Amino acid sequence: MFYYLHLLYNYSLILMFSEGGEEKPMLLSVNPGLIIWQIIIFVILLFVLKKIAWKPMLTALNSREEGIKDSIEQAKNLRKEAEALVDEHKKNLSEANAQSMKIINDAKDVANKMRDDILQKSQEESRRIIEQARAEIRQEKESAMSDLRSEVSDLAIKAAEKILKENLDETKQKKIVDDFISRIPSN
């Protein structure tokens, strides 16, 4: 390879010095010596870059590629974890809704039972009060009837005394009146 570079160098020197100084090079004119030197410099630059910079550039690119792959993998894992958390939160929310509905239904059942118990107790209490009132009314009625009988018997005795003008003893009169009153229907 060194032989070819040497030949290329020699030919380029010959071409450079063989041109006359009379012509001015133009911007787009082809100069074979310049082209050869540019090729040589480019090859040397490639060789130097390969020896010095190629490995660090490849390691930097490979490490960047690995970093990107790791970031993508980590993002995928985080997304899976987020989806799992969302699913878990949905599950917890549905369980909480079910529990709240159960608690509400249980509270309604307890409230209905308490209402029924209160109604039953109030009905029993009202029946007891009514029965007690009826018993008191019966007792008052019997007491009033007894008082009325006593008054009637006293009035009847007095009336009979006045009518008969006969003096009977009081016990006989009471007996007659009681017999009379017992024959009267009790209303």
Protein backbone atom coordinates (compact mmCIF):
# COMPACT_ATOMS: atom_id res chain seq x y z
CA MET A 1 0.00 0.00 0.00
CA PHE A 2 2.87 2.29 0.78
CA TYR A 3 4.13 1.76 -2.80
CA TYR A 4 0.85 3.02 -4.27
CA LEU A 5 0.80 6.05 -2.04
CA HIS A 6 4.34 6.83 -3.10
CA LEU A 7 3.41 6.58 -6.79
CA LEU A 8 0.39 8.77 -6.28
CA TYR A 9 2.57 11.35 -4.57
CA ASN A 10 5.10 11.38 -7.39
CA TYR A 11 2.50 11.74 -10.13
CA SER A 12 0.76 14.52 -8.31
CA LEU A 13 4.02 16.45 -7.94
CA ILE A 14 4.76 16.02 -11.62
CA LEU A 15 1.30 17.24 -12.59
CA MET A 16 1.51 20.21 -10.29
CA PHE A 17 4.80 21.43 -11.62
CA SER A 18 4.12 20.65 -15.27
CA GLU A 19 1.36 23.22 -15.60
CA GLY A 20 2.38 26.54 -16.86
CA GLY A 21 2.09 29.59 -14.73
CA GLU A 22 0.38 31.45 -17.54
CA GLU A 23 -3.09 30.20 -16.91
CA LYS A 24 -4.99 31.12 -13.86
CA PRO A 25 -6.88 28.25 -12.35
CA MET A 26 -10.63 28.63 -12.55
CA LEU A 27 -13.04 27.78 -9.86
CA LEU A 28 -14.51 24.74 -11.63
CA SER A 29 -11.45 23.63 -13.50
CA VAL A 30 -10.21 20.07 -12.94
CA ASN A 31 -6.77 19.82 -11.41
CA PRO A 32 -5.68 16.14 -11.25
CA GLY A 33 -2.85 16.76 -8.79
CA LEU A 34 -5.17 18.47 -6.33
CA ILE A 35 -7.68 15.66 -6.62
CA ILE A 36 -5.01 13.07 -5.88
CA TRP A 37 -3.79 14.95 -2.82
CA GLN A 38 -7.33 15.32 -1.55
CA ILE A 39 -7.85 11.60 -1.96
CA ILE A 40 -4.60 10.87 -0.11
CA ILE A 41 -5.50 13.21 2.73
CA PHE A 42 -8.98 11.72 2.92
CA VAL A 43 -7.59 8.15 3.13
CA ILE A 44 -5.08 9.19 5.79
CA LEU A 45 -7.82 10.95 7.70
CA LEU A 46 -9.99 7.83 7.52
CA PHE A 47 -7.08 5.71 8.73
CA VAL A 48 -6.35 8.07 11.63
CA LEU A 49 -10.05 8.29 12.55
CA LYS A 50 -10.33 4.51 12.44
CA LYS A 51 -7.38 4.08 14.79
CA ILE A 52 -8.16 6.95 17.14
CA ALA A 53 -11.86 7.91 17.03
CA TRP A 54 -13.75 4.94 15.57
CA LYS A 55 -13.79 2.80 18.74
CA PRO A 56 -14.82 5.64 21.09
CA MET A 57 -17.54 6.69 18.66
CA LEU A 58 -18.82 3.10 18.39
CA THR A 59 -18.75 2.63 22.16
CA ALA A 60 -20.58 5.96 22.62
CA LEU A 61 -23.18 4.96 20.02
CA ASN A 62 -23.54 1.48 21.53
CA SER A 63 -23.90 2.89 25.04
CA ARG A 64 -26.47 5.40 23.77
CA GLU A 65 -28.33 2.60 22.02
CA GLU A 66 -28.29 0.51 25.21
CA GLY A 67 -29.46 3.52 27.22
CA ILE A 68 -32.35 4.06 24.81
CA LYS A 69 -33.24 0.36 24.92
CA ASP A 70 -33.14 0.43 28.72
CA SER A 71 -35.28 3.56 28.79
CA ILE A 72 -37.81 1.97 26.45
CA GLU A 73 -37.86 -1.22 28.54
CA GLN A 74 -38.20 0.79 31.72
CA ALA A 75 -41.06 2.80 30.18
CA LYS A 76 -42.78 -0.45 29.17
CA ASN A 77 -42.38 -1.80 32.70
CA LEU A 78 -43.69 1.44 34.21
CA ARG A 79 -46.64 1.35 31.83
CA LYS A 80 -47.42 -2.24 32.83
CA GLU A 81 -47.17 -1.28 36.51
CA ALA A 82 -49.41 1.74 35.91
CA GLU A 83 -51.97 -0.43 34.12
CA ALA A 84 -51.83 -2.93 36.98
CA LEU A 85 -52.33 -0.11 39.49
CA VAL A 86 -55.26 1.24 37.48
CA ASP A 87 -56.82 -2.22 37.38
CA GLU A 88 -56.22 -2.63 41.12
CA HIS A 89 -57.76 0.79 41.81
CA LYS A 90 -60.78 -0.09 39.68
CA LYS A 91 -61.13 -3.36 41.57
CA ASN A 92 -60.79 -1.58 44.93
CA LEU A 93 -63.32 1.03 43.84
CA SER A 94 -65.83 -1.61 42.77
CA GLU A 95 -65.30 -3.46 46.08
CA ALA A 96 -65.77 -0.20 47.99
CA ASN A 97 -68.96 0.50 46.02
CA ALA A 98 -70.23 -3.00 46.78
CA GLN A 99 -69.41 -2.60 50.47
CA SER A 100 -71.09 0.80 50.62
CA MET A 101 -74.20 -0.61 48.94
CA LYS A 102 -74.19 -3.49 51.42
CA ILE A 103 -73.83 -1.08 54.34
CA ILE A 104 -76.65 1.09 52.98
CA ASN A 105 -78.90 -1.94 52.49
CA ASP A 106 -78.05 -3.23 55.98
CA ALA A 107 -78.82 0.20 57.43
CA LYS A 108 -82.14 0.27 55.57
CA ASP A 109 -82.97 -3.20 56.91
CA VAL A 110 -82.08 -2.17 60.46
CA ALA A 111 -84.12 1.04 60.07
CA ASN A 112 -87.10 -0.95 58.78
CA LYS A 113 -86.81 -3.42 61.66
CA MET A 114 -86.57 -0.58 64.17
CA ARG A 115 -89.57 1.13 62.58
CA ASP A 116 -91.56 -2.10 62.71
CA ASP A 117 -90.53 -2.65 66.34
CA ILE A 118 -91.49 0.90 67.26
CA LEU A 119 -94.82 0.54 65.46
CA GLN A 120 -95.49 -2.77 67.17
CA LYS A 121 -94.56 -1.37 70.58
CA SER A 122 -96.70 1.72 70.02
CA GLN A 123 -99.64 -0.45 68.94
CA GLU A 124 -99.18 -2.68 71.99
CA GLU A 125 -98.92 0.40 74.20
CA SER A 126 -102.05 1.89 72.64
CA ARG A 127 -103.90 -1.43 73.11
CA ARG A 128 -102.75 -1.56 76.72
CA ILE A 129 -103.84 2.04 77.30
CA ILE A 130 -107.19 1.35 75.63
CA GLU A 131 -107.68 -1.80 77.71
CA GLN A 132 -106.70 0.08 80.85
CA ALA A 133 -109.10 2.88 79.91
CA ARG A 134 -111.86 0.35 79.25
CA ALA A 135 -111.16 -1.32 82.59
CA GLU A 136 -111.29 2.05 84.33
CA ILE A 137 -114.49 2.90 82.48
CA ARG A 138 -116.01 -0.44 83.51
CA GLN A 139 -114.91 0.10 87.07
CA GLU A 140 -116.26 3.66 87.07
CA LYS A 141 -119.44 2.45 85.45
CA GLU A 142 -119.88 -0.26 88.06
CA SER A 143 -119.07 2.22 90.79
CA ALA A 144 -121.54 4.70 89.31
CA MET A 145 -124.16 1.97 88.95
CA SER A 146 -123.57 0.94 92.52
CA ASP A 147 -123.90 4.53 93.67
CA LEU A 148 -126.94 4.96 91.46
CA ARG A 149 -128.53 1.83 92.87
CA SER A 150 -127.86 3.03 96.34
CA GLU A 151 -129.35 6.45 95.54
CA VAL A 152 -132.28 4.91 93.76
CA SER A 153 -132.90 2.55 96.61
CA ASP A 154 -132.76 5.40 99.09
CA LEU A 155 -135.08 7.47 96.94
CA ALA A 156 -137.37 4.53 96.41
CA ILE A 157 -137.51 3.90 100.16
CA LYS A 158 -138.29 7.49 100.85
CA ALA A 159 -140.86 7.55 98.12
CA ALA A 160 -142.37 4.32 99.34
CA GLU A 161 -142.51 5.65 102.88
CA LYS A 162 -144.30 8.68 101.76
CA ILE A 163 -146.65 6.74 99.58
CA LEU A 164 -147.41 3.94 101.91
CA LYS A 165 -147.27 5.96 105.03
CA GLU A 166 -146.28 2.87 106.56
CA ASN A 167 -143.30 2.63 108.70
CA LEU A 168 -141.29 -0.35 107.69
CA ASP A 169 -137.91 -0.91 109.05
CA GLU A 170 -135.07 0.13 106.94
CA THR A 171 -133.56 -3.32 106.32
CA LYS A 172 -136.80 -4.70 104.93
CA GLN A 173 -137.16 -1.69 102.68
CA LYS A 174 -133.63 -2.11 101.39
CA LYS A 175 -134.29 -5.74 100.69
CA ILE A 176 -137.42 -4.95 98.69
CA VAL A 177 -135.65 -2.24 96.70
CA ASP A 178 -132.61 -4.43 96.03
CA ASP A 179 -134.86 -7.16 94.75
CA PHE A 180 -136.58 -4.64 92.54
CA ILE A 181 -133.34 -3.23 91.26
CA SER A 182 -131.85 -6.65 90.56
CA ARG A 183 -134.80 -7.32 88.28
CA ILE A 184 -134.00 -4.21 86.28
CA PRO A 185 -131.65 -4.99 83.38
CA SER A 186 -128.20 -3.45 83.91
CA ASN A 187 -127.20 -1.18 81.02
